[in-house]
Structures are given as structure tokens and as C-alpha cells.
Amino acid sequence: MAEAAGVLLAAGPSEALGEPVQLVDVAGRPLLERLVERLAWLEPLVVVLGWRAEEILDAADLSPAVVVINYDWEGGIGSSMRTGLDYLSRERIHRPALITLANLPAIGEEHIRPLLSAHAGGVTLPIYRYDPGYPLLLDRSQWDRFMSRGLDPLDIALAHPEWVTEVRGDEHAPRRIRVPTDIQEALPRFGAA
């Protein structure tokens, strides 16, 4: 049995990038497809799409992930988190859920395993040098709290330090892909240049 479920938030727009971040070409394959492949050990892995969902589904093979659509994607990251956690709740998943972002491609097992090891319930999150970041590990007991707020999950966790276990590291936070120059930094992560 898997240690955690996964919720990969991929519903938001990437207008500053000029193309869907989910479809950025990485050695001939869409970035989102590569992320799903790397996170497939999370069971189940739920990919939340919204903006340009049909285009993304046509271009990327997201199996073995479960794809759910957030029709309220304009409501922000909190609405996408709610969509993913709602799916897990309806499927009666009781293990912690890892929440991560599609525009954060550097996240891998080496970032997730320390969170799983330190998880003692509540919320477990990484502190990169001095900055909290993604991914977050949410205990099943926290899902309703997070779903009812509908805000960025990191903001919710930071507003309630009594719920949080921090995993501190010395490295810088992985860069999010927001503009075209960020892509060049992310490509080596996948063995592409």
C-alpha cells in the first residue's frame, strides 16, 4: 500500500508563460506527462485540470493518474485543492495527501520522502532555507479544514502553525515555472537540455 495519495494541481492558467505550463516540451513530451510519470508511486495520484483542460488531455498521456476537472479553476489554487481532496474523500482514501503544483517540476521523491518520514499528523511542509514551500503533506484529519477554507493550502498552513510539522533543509526552494526563462532551469531536471 502507498504511504500517501497525491494531488497534482494543474488547473490554473500560465498566461505570462505564453503557453500552458502543463504542455511545455521536455525532450519531446509534455511536462505534465513527465510529472505524472515521476509521481505515479503516490496512490492514487489525482491530477486536477481546469484551464484548457481539453487541450491538455489531448496532448498528454496522464495515465496512471486519475484526472478530475475543476470547473471553478478561476477561483484559484484553493478551489483546485478542494476538487482533488473531494475526489479522494469520495473514494474513501484515508492516507495523507501530498499537494504539489504542476509549475513546480523540480519536486521529486527526494523532496517527498523526508515529509513522509517526519509526518506525525496535521500538516507537514518543507522549509527551504527560511522559506516555506511546496509540496505539503496533509493528514486525512485536516482535509475538511482545508477544503472549507478554499484558499492556497500553503497560506492556510502558515496561518495555523499549531497544525504544522516543519522539515527544514539548506537548499533553496525549487523554482516555479512562471516565465519562459524558468523553463531552461527546469529542463536539466528531466535529463533534457
C-alpha atoms as a PDB file:
ATOM      1  CA  MET A   1       0.000   0.000   0.000  1.00  0.00           C
ATOM      2  CA  ALA A   2       1.210   3.505  -0.820  1.00  0.00           C
ATOM      3  CA  GLU A   3       2.210   5.812   2.010  1.00  0.00           C
ATOM      4  CA  ALA A   4       0.352   8.784   0.554  1.00  0.00           C
ATOM      5  CA  ALA A   5      -2.071   9.854  -2.108  1.00  0.00           C
ATOM      6  CA  GLY A   6      -1.074  12.660  -4.436  1.00  0.00           C
ATOM      7  CA  VAL A   7      -2.914  15.752  -5.661  1.00  0.00           C
ATOM      8  CA  LEU A   8      -1.135  17.478  -8.535  1.00  0.00           C
ATOM      9  CA  LEU A   9      -2.672  20.910  -9.043  1.00  0.00           C
ATOM     10  CA  ALA A  10      -2.578  21.718 -12.765  1.00  0.00           C
ATOM     11  CA  ALA A  11      -5.760  23.739 -13.305  1.00  0.00           C
ATOM     12  CA  GLY A  12      -4.520  27.305 -13.329  1.00  0.00           C
ATOM     13  CA  PRO A  13      -3.569  29.497 -16.283  1.00  0.00           C
ATOM     14  CA  SER A  14       0.001  30.280 -17.239  1.00  0.00           C
ATOM     15  CA  GLU A  15      -0.569  33.426 -19.268  1.00  0.00           C
ATOM     16  CA  ALA A  16       2.832  35.010 -18.527  1.00  0.00           C
ATOM     17  CA  LEU A  17       4.478  31.911 -19.955  1.00  0.00           C
ATOM     18  CA  GLY A  18       2.625  32.246 -23.262  1.00  0.00           C
ATOM     19  CA  GLU A  19       1.624  28.565 -23.326  1.00  0.00           C
ATOM     20  CA  PRO A  20       0.163  26.075 -20.862  1.00  0.00           C
ATOM     21  CA  VAL A  21       2.940  25.140 -18.437  1.00  0.00           C
ATOM     22  CA  GLN A  22       1.444  21.666 -18.417  1.00  0.00           C
ATOM     23  CA  LEU A  23       2.399  21.282 -22.107  1.00  0.00           C
ATOM     24  CA  VAL A  24       5.934  22.721 -22.030  1.00  0.00           C
ATOM     25  CA  ASP A  25       8.005  20.385 -24.200  1.00  0.00           C
ATOM     26  CA  VAL A  26      10.546  18.379 -22.236  1.00  0.00           C
ATOM     27  CA  ALA A  27      12.549  16.141 -24.568  1.00  0.00           C
ATOM     28  CA  GLY A  28       9.546  15.566 -26.800  1.00  0.00           C
ATOM     29  CA  ARG A  29       6.935  15.048 -24.096  1.00  0.00           C
ATOM     30  CA  PRO A  30       4.672  17.431 -22.179  1.00  0.00           C
ATOM     31  CA  LEU A  31       5.919  18.479 -18.749  1.00  0.00           C
ATOM     32  CA  LEU A  32       2.722  17.311 -17.041  1.00  0.00           C
ATOM     33  CA  GLU A  33       3.117  13.838 -18.530  1.00  0.00           C
ATOM     34  CA  ARG A  34       6.642  13.648 -17.130  1.00  0.00           C
ATOM     35  CA  LEU A  35       5.490  14.847 -13.701  1.00  0.00           C
ATOM     36  CA  VAL A  36       2.760  12.203 -13.603  1.00  0.00           C
ATOM     37  CA  GLU A  37       5.303   9.545 -14.507  1.00  0.00           C
ATOM     38  CA  ARG A  38       7.615  10.678 -11.701  1.00  0.00           C
ATOM     39  CA  LEU A  39       4.854  10.917  -9.078  1.00  0.00           C
ATOM     40  CA  ALA A  40       2.969   7.751 -10.075  1.00  0.00           C
ATOM     41  CA  TRP A  41       4.170   5.972  -6.915  1.00  0.00           C
ATOM     42  CA  LEU A  42       1.651   8.104  -4.977  1.00  0.00           C
ATOM     43  CA  GLU A  43      -1.580   6.108  -4.852  1.00  0.00           C
ATOM     44  CA  PRO A  44      -3.857   7.344  -6.148  1.00  0.00           C
ATOM     45  CA  LEU A  45      -2.321  10.271  -7.984  1.00  0.00           C
ATOM     46  CA  VAL A  46      -5.037  12.809  -8.798  1.00  0.00           C
ATOM     47  CA  VAL A  47      -4.330  15.446 -11.452  1.00  0.00           C
ATOM     48  CA  VAL A  48      -6.629  18.466 -11.231  1.00  0.00           C
ATOM     49  CA  LEU A  49      -7.117  20.237 -14.567  1.00  0.00           C
ATOM     50  CA  GLY A  50      -9.168  23.318 -15.388  1.00  0.00           C
ATOM     51  CA  TRP A  51      -7.867  25.986 -17.768  1.00  0.00           C
ATOM     52  CA  ARG A  52      -7.501  24.494 -21.268  1.00  0.00           C
ATOM     53  CA  ALA A  53      -8.235  21.014 -19.885  1.00  0.00           C
ATOM     54  CA  GLU A  54      -9.335  19.525 -23.223  1.00  0.00           C
ATOM     55  CA  GLU A  55      -6.158  20.694 -24.947  1.00  0.00           C
ATOM     56  CA  ILE A  56      -4.023  19.241 -22.154  1.00  0.00           C
ATOM     57  CA  LEU A  57      -5.889  15.917 -22.185  1.00  0.00           C
ATOM     58  CA  ASP A  58      -5.466  15.673 -25.966  1.00  0.00           C
ATOM     59  CA  ALA A  59      -1.720  16.343 -25.779  1.00  0.00           C
ATOM     60  CA  ALA A  60      -0.580  14.461 -22.663  1.00  0.00           C
ATOM     61  CA  ASP A  61      -0.838  10.836 -21.564  1.00  0.00           C
ATOM     62  CA  LEU A  62      -1.707  11.187 -17.887  1.00  0.00           C
ATOM     63  CA  SER A  63      -2.179   7.509 -17.095  1.00  0.00           C
ATOM     64  CA  PRO A  64      -1.975   6.048 -14.483  1.00  0.00           C
ATOM     65  CA  ALA A  65      -3.256   9.204 -12.770  1.00  0.00           C
ATOM     66  CA  VAL A  66      -6.903   9.948 -12.139  1.00  0.00           C
ATOM     67  CA  VAL A  67      -7.875  13.205 -13.856  1.00  0.00           C
ATOM     68  CA  VAL A  68     -10.551  15.433 -12.336  1.00  0.00           C
ATOM     69  CA  ILE A  69     -11.716  18.749 -13.733  1.00  0.00           C
ATOM     70  CA  ASN A  70     -12.049  21.877 -11.629  1.00  0.00           C
ATOM     71  CA  TYR A  71     -14.713  23.860 -13.474  1.00  0.00           C
ATOM     72  CA  ASP A  72     -14.187  26.676 -10.972  1.00  0.00           C
ATOM     73  CA  TRP A  73     -10.443  26.996 -11.739  1.00  0.00           C
ATOM     74  CA  GLU A  74     -10.754  30.799 -11.847  1.00  0.00           C
ATOM     75  CA  GLY A  75     -11.422  30.535  -8.094  1.00  0.00           C
ATOM     76  CA  GLY A  76      -7.708  29.865  -7.634  1.00  0.00           C
ATOM     77  CA  ILE A  77      -5.489  27.190  -6.219  1.00  0.00           C
ATOM     78  CA  GLY A  78      -7.776  26.598  -3.232  1.00  0.00           C
ATOM     79  CA  SER A  79     -10.632  25.543  -5.493  1.00  0.00           C
ATOM     80  CA  SER A  80      -8.338  23.070  -7.254  1.00  0.00           C
ATOM     81  CA  MET A  81      -7.121  21.649  -3.955  1.00  0.00           C
ATOM     82  CA  ARG A  82     -10.742  21.256  -2.884  1.00  0.00           C
ATOM     83  CA  THR A  83     -11.546  19.408  -6.122  1.00  0.00           C
ATOM     84  CA  GLY A  84      -8.665  16.967  -5.628  1.00  0.00           C
ATOM     85  CA  LEU A  85      -9.327  16.337  -1.930  1.00  0.00           C
ATOM     86  CA  ASP A  86     -13.039  15.951  -2.620  1.00  0.00           C
ATOM     87  CA  TYR A  87     -12.249  13.183  -5.099  1.00  0.00           C
ATOM     88  CA  LEU A  88     -10.054  11.407  -2.527  1.00  0.00           C
ATOM     89  CA  SER A  89     -12.763  11.772   0.119  1.00  0.00           C
ATOM     90  CA  ARG A  90     -15.429  10.266  -2.140  1.00  0.00           C
ATOM     91  CA  GLU A  91     -13.065   7.366  -2.895  1.00  0.00           C
ATOM     92  CA  ARG A  92     -12.658   6.812   0.860  1.00  0.00           C
ATOM     93  CA  ILE A  93      -8.898   7.331   0.834  1.00  0.00           C
ATOM     94  CA  HIS A  94      -7.636   7.636   4.401  1.00  0.00           C
ATOM     95  CA  ARG A  95      -3.897   8.140   3.994  1.00  0.00           C
ATOM     96  CA  PRO A  96      -2.208  11.552   3.907  1.00  0.00           C
ATOM     97  CA  ALA A  97      -2.408  13.543   0.677  1.00  0.00           C
ATOM     98  CA  LEU A  98       0.604  15.210  -0.864  1.00  0.00           C
ATOM     99  CA  ILE A  99      -0.339  18.521  -2.505  1.00  0.00           C
ATOM    100  CA  THR A 100       2.032  19.773  -5.203  1.00  0.00           C
ATOM    101  CA  LEU A 101       1.966  22.076  -8.208  1.00  0.00           C
ATOM    102  CA  ALA A 102       2.359  21.429 -11.932  1.00  0.00           C
ATOM    103  CA  ASN A 103       4.501  24.536 -12.340  1.00  0.00           C
ATOM    104  CA  LEU A 104       6.961  23.188  -9.761  1.00  0.00           C
ATOM    105  CA  PRO A 105       8.652  20.456 -11.795  1.00  0.00           C
ATOM    106  CA  ALA A 106      11.740  20.021  -9.624  1.00  0.00           C
ATOM    107  CA  ILE A 107       9.746  18.271  -6.899  1.00  0.00           C
ATOM    108  CA  GLY A 108      10.656  14.623  -6.733  1.00  0.00           C
ATOM    109  CA  GLU A 109      10.819  11.705  -4.388  1.00  0.00           C
ATOM    110  CA  GLU A 110      13.858  13.240  -2.652  1.00  0.00           C
ATOM    111  CA  HIS A 111      11.620  16.135  -1.543  1.00  0.00           C
ATOM    112  CA  ILE A 112       8.673  13.945  -0.600  1.00  0.00           C
ATOM    113  CA  ARG A 113      10.347  11.139   1.400  1.00  0.00           C
ATOM    114  CA  PRO A 114      11.547  13.464   4.208  1.00  0.00           C
ATOM    115  CA  LEU A 115       7.989  14.783   4.581  1.00  0.00           C
ATOM    116  CA  LEU A 116       6.639  11.246   4.862  1.00  0.00           C
ATOM    117  CA  SER A 117       9.312  10.337   7.429  1.00  0.00           C
ATOM    118  CA  ALA A 118       8.571  13.375   9.592  1.00  0.00           C
ATOM    119  CA  HIS A 119       4.783  13.278   9.251  1.00  0.00           C
ATOM    120  CA  ALA A 120       3.107  12.970  12.643  1.00  0.00           C
ATOM    121  CA  GLY A 121      -0.391  14.043  11.616  1.00  0.00           C
ATOM    122  CA  GLY A 122      -1.616  17.520  10.840  1.00  0.00           C
ATOM    123  CA  VAL A 123       0.347  19.217   8.061  1.00  0.00           C
ATOM    124  CA  THR A 124       3.960  18.583   7.144  1.00  0.00           C
ATOM    125  CA  LEU A 125       5.741  21.102   4.963  1.00  0.00           C
ATOM    126  CA  PRO A 126       9.274  21.857   3.824  1.00  0.00           C
ATOM    127  CA  ILE A 127      11.196  24.929   4.871  1.00  0.00           C
ATOM    128  CA  TYR A 128      13.765  25.735   2.173  1.00  0.00           C
ATOM    129  CA  ARG A 129      16.429  27.736   3.989  1.00  0.00           C
ATOM    130  CA  TYR A 130      13.972  30.181   5.557  1.00  0.00           C
ATOM    131  CA  ASP A 131      11.073  29.922   3.127  1.00  0.00           C
ATOM    132  CA  PRO A 132       8.141  27.518   3.451  1.00  0.00           C
ATOM    133  CA  GLY A 133       7.043  25.917   0.221  1.00  0.00           C
ATOM    134  CA  TYR A 134       5.513  23.007  -1.625  1.00  0.00           C
ATOM    135  CA  PRO A 135       4.782  20.140  -1.514  1.00  0.00           C
ATOM    136  CA  LEU A 136       2.553  19.874   1.548  1.00  0.00           C
ATOM    137  CA  LEU A 137       1.547  16.633   3.204  1.00  0.00           C
ATOM    138  CA  LEU A 138      -1.960  16.823   4.680  1.00  0.00           C
ATOM    139  CA  ASP A 139      -3.166  14.240   7.143  1.00  0.00           C
ATOM    140  CA  ARG A 140      -6.671  12.948   6.378  1.00  0.00           C
ATOM    141  CA  SER A 141      -7.868  14.639   9.578  1.00  0.00           C
ATOM    142  CA  GLN A 142      -7.027  18.032   8.017  1.00  0.00           C
ATOM    143  CA  TRP A 143      -8.780  17.714   4.665  1.00  0.00           C
ATOM    144  CA  ASP A 144     -12.123  19.185   5.753  1.00  0.00           C
ATOM    145  CA  ARG A 145     -10.389  22.171   7.333  1.00  0.00           C
ATOM    146  CA  PHE A 146      -8.500  22.878   4.135  1.00  0.00           C
ATOM    147  CA  MET A 147     -11.433  22.230   1.793  1.00  0.00           C
ATOM    148  CA  SER A 148     -13.744  24.538   3.739  1.00  0.00           C
ATOM    149  CA  ARG A 149     -11.363  27.485   3.502  1.00  0.00           C
ATOM    150  CA  GLY A 150     -10.810  27.363  -0.267  1.00  0.00           C
ATOM    151  CA  LEU A 151      -7.529  29.284  -0.074  1.00  0.00           C
ATOM    152  CA  ASP A 152      -3.982  28.495  -1.109  1.00  0.00           C
ATOM    153  CA  PRO A 153      -3.100  25.444   1.031  1.00  0.00           C
ATOM    154  CA  LEU A 154       0.306  26.878   1.933  1.00  0.00           C
ATOM    155  CA  ASP A 155      -1.333  30.063   3.215  1.00  0.00           C
ATOM    156  CA  ILE A 156      -3.755  28.012   5.321  1.00  0.00           C
ATOM    157  CA  ALA A 157      -0.912  26.009   6.852  1.00  0.00           C
ATOM    158  CA  LEU A 158       1.117  29.124   7.626  1.00  0.00           C
ATOM    159  CA  ALA A 159      -1.887  30.745   9.316  1.00  0.00           C
ATOM    160  CA  HIS A 160      -2.136  27.740  11.671  1.00  0.00           C
ATOM    161  CA  PRO A 161       1.367  26.860  12.888  1.00  0.00           C
ATOM    162  CA  GLU A 162      -0.155  24.646  15.584  1.00  0.00           C
ATOM    163  CA  TRP A 163      -1.102  22.166  12.821  1.00  0.00           C
ATOM    164  CA  VAL A 164       2.342  22.147  11.169  1.00  0.00           C
ATOM    165  CA  THR A 165       5.434  19.970  11.343  1.00  0.00           C
ATOM    166  CA  GLU A 166       8.326  21.620   9.522  1.00  0.00           C
ATOM    167  CA  VAL A 167      11.040  19.753   7.628  1.00  0.00           C
ATOM    168  CA  ARG A 168      13.996  22.115   7.346  1.00  0.00           C
ATOM    169  CA  GLY A 169      16.626  21.985   4.628  1.00  0.00           C
ATOM    170  CA  ASP A 170      19.551  24.067   3.450  1.00  0.00           C
ATOM    171  CA  GLU A 171      18.711  24.146  -0.240  1.00  0.00           C
ATOM    172  CA  HIS A 172      16.819  26.915  -1.989  1.00  0.00           C
ATOM    173  CA  ALA A 173      13.173  26.366  -2.818  1.00  0.00           C
ATOM    174  CA  PRO A 174      12.663  24.730  -6.212  1.00  0.00           C
ATOM    175  CA  ARG A 175      11.789  27.357  -8.807  1.00  0.00           C
ATOM    176  CA  ARG A 176       8.273  27.531 -10.163  1.00  0.00           C
ATOM    177  CA  ILE A 177       7.850  27.894 -13.913  1.00  0.00           C
ATOM    178  CA  ARG A 178       6.175  31.240 -14.428  1.00  0.00           C
ATOM    179  CA  VAL A 179       8.025  32.835 -17.366  1.00  0.00           C
ATOM    180  CA  PRO A 180       9.914  31.389 -20.369  1.00  0.00           C
ATOM    181  CA  THR A 181      13.361  31.742 -18.777  1.00  0.00           C
ATOM    182  CA  ASP A 182      12.268  29.430 -15.931  1.00  0.00           C
ATOM    183  CA  ILE A 183      11.872  26.592 -18.437  1.00  0.00           C
ATOM    184  CA  GLN A 184      15.608  26.424 -19.161  1.00  0.00           C
ATOM    185  CA  GLU A 185      16.311  25.901 -15.470  1.00  0.00           C
ATOM    186  CA  ALA A 186      13.766  23.080 -15.250  1.00  0.00           C
ATOM    187  CA  LEU A 187      14.828  21.053 -18.307  1.00  0.00           C
ATOM    188  CA  PRO A 188      18.019  19.543 -16.805  1.00  0.00           C
ATOM    189  CA  ARG A 189      15.851  18.048 -14.040  1.00  0.00           C
ATOM    190  CA  PHE A 190      14.419  15.682 -16.640  1.00  0.00           C
ATOM    191  CA  GLY A 191      17.673  14.876 -18.432  1.00  0.00           C
ATOM    192  CA  ALA A 192      16.871  17.338 -21.205  1.00  0.00           C
ATOM    193  CA  ALA A 193      18.812  20.430 -22.143  1.00  0.00           C
END
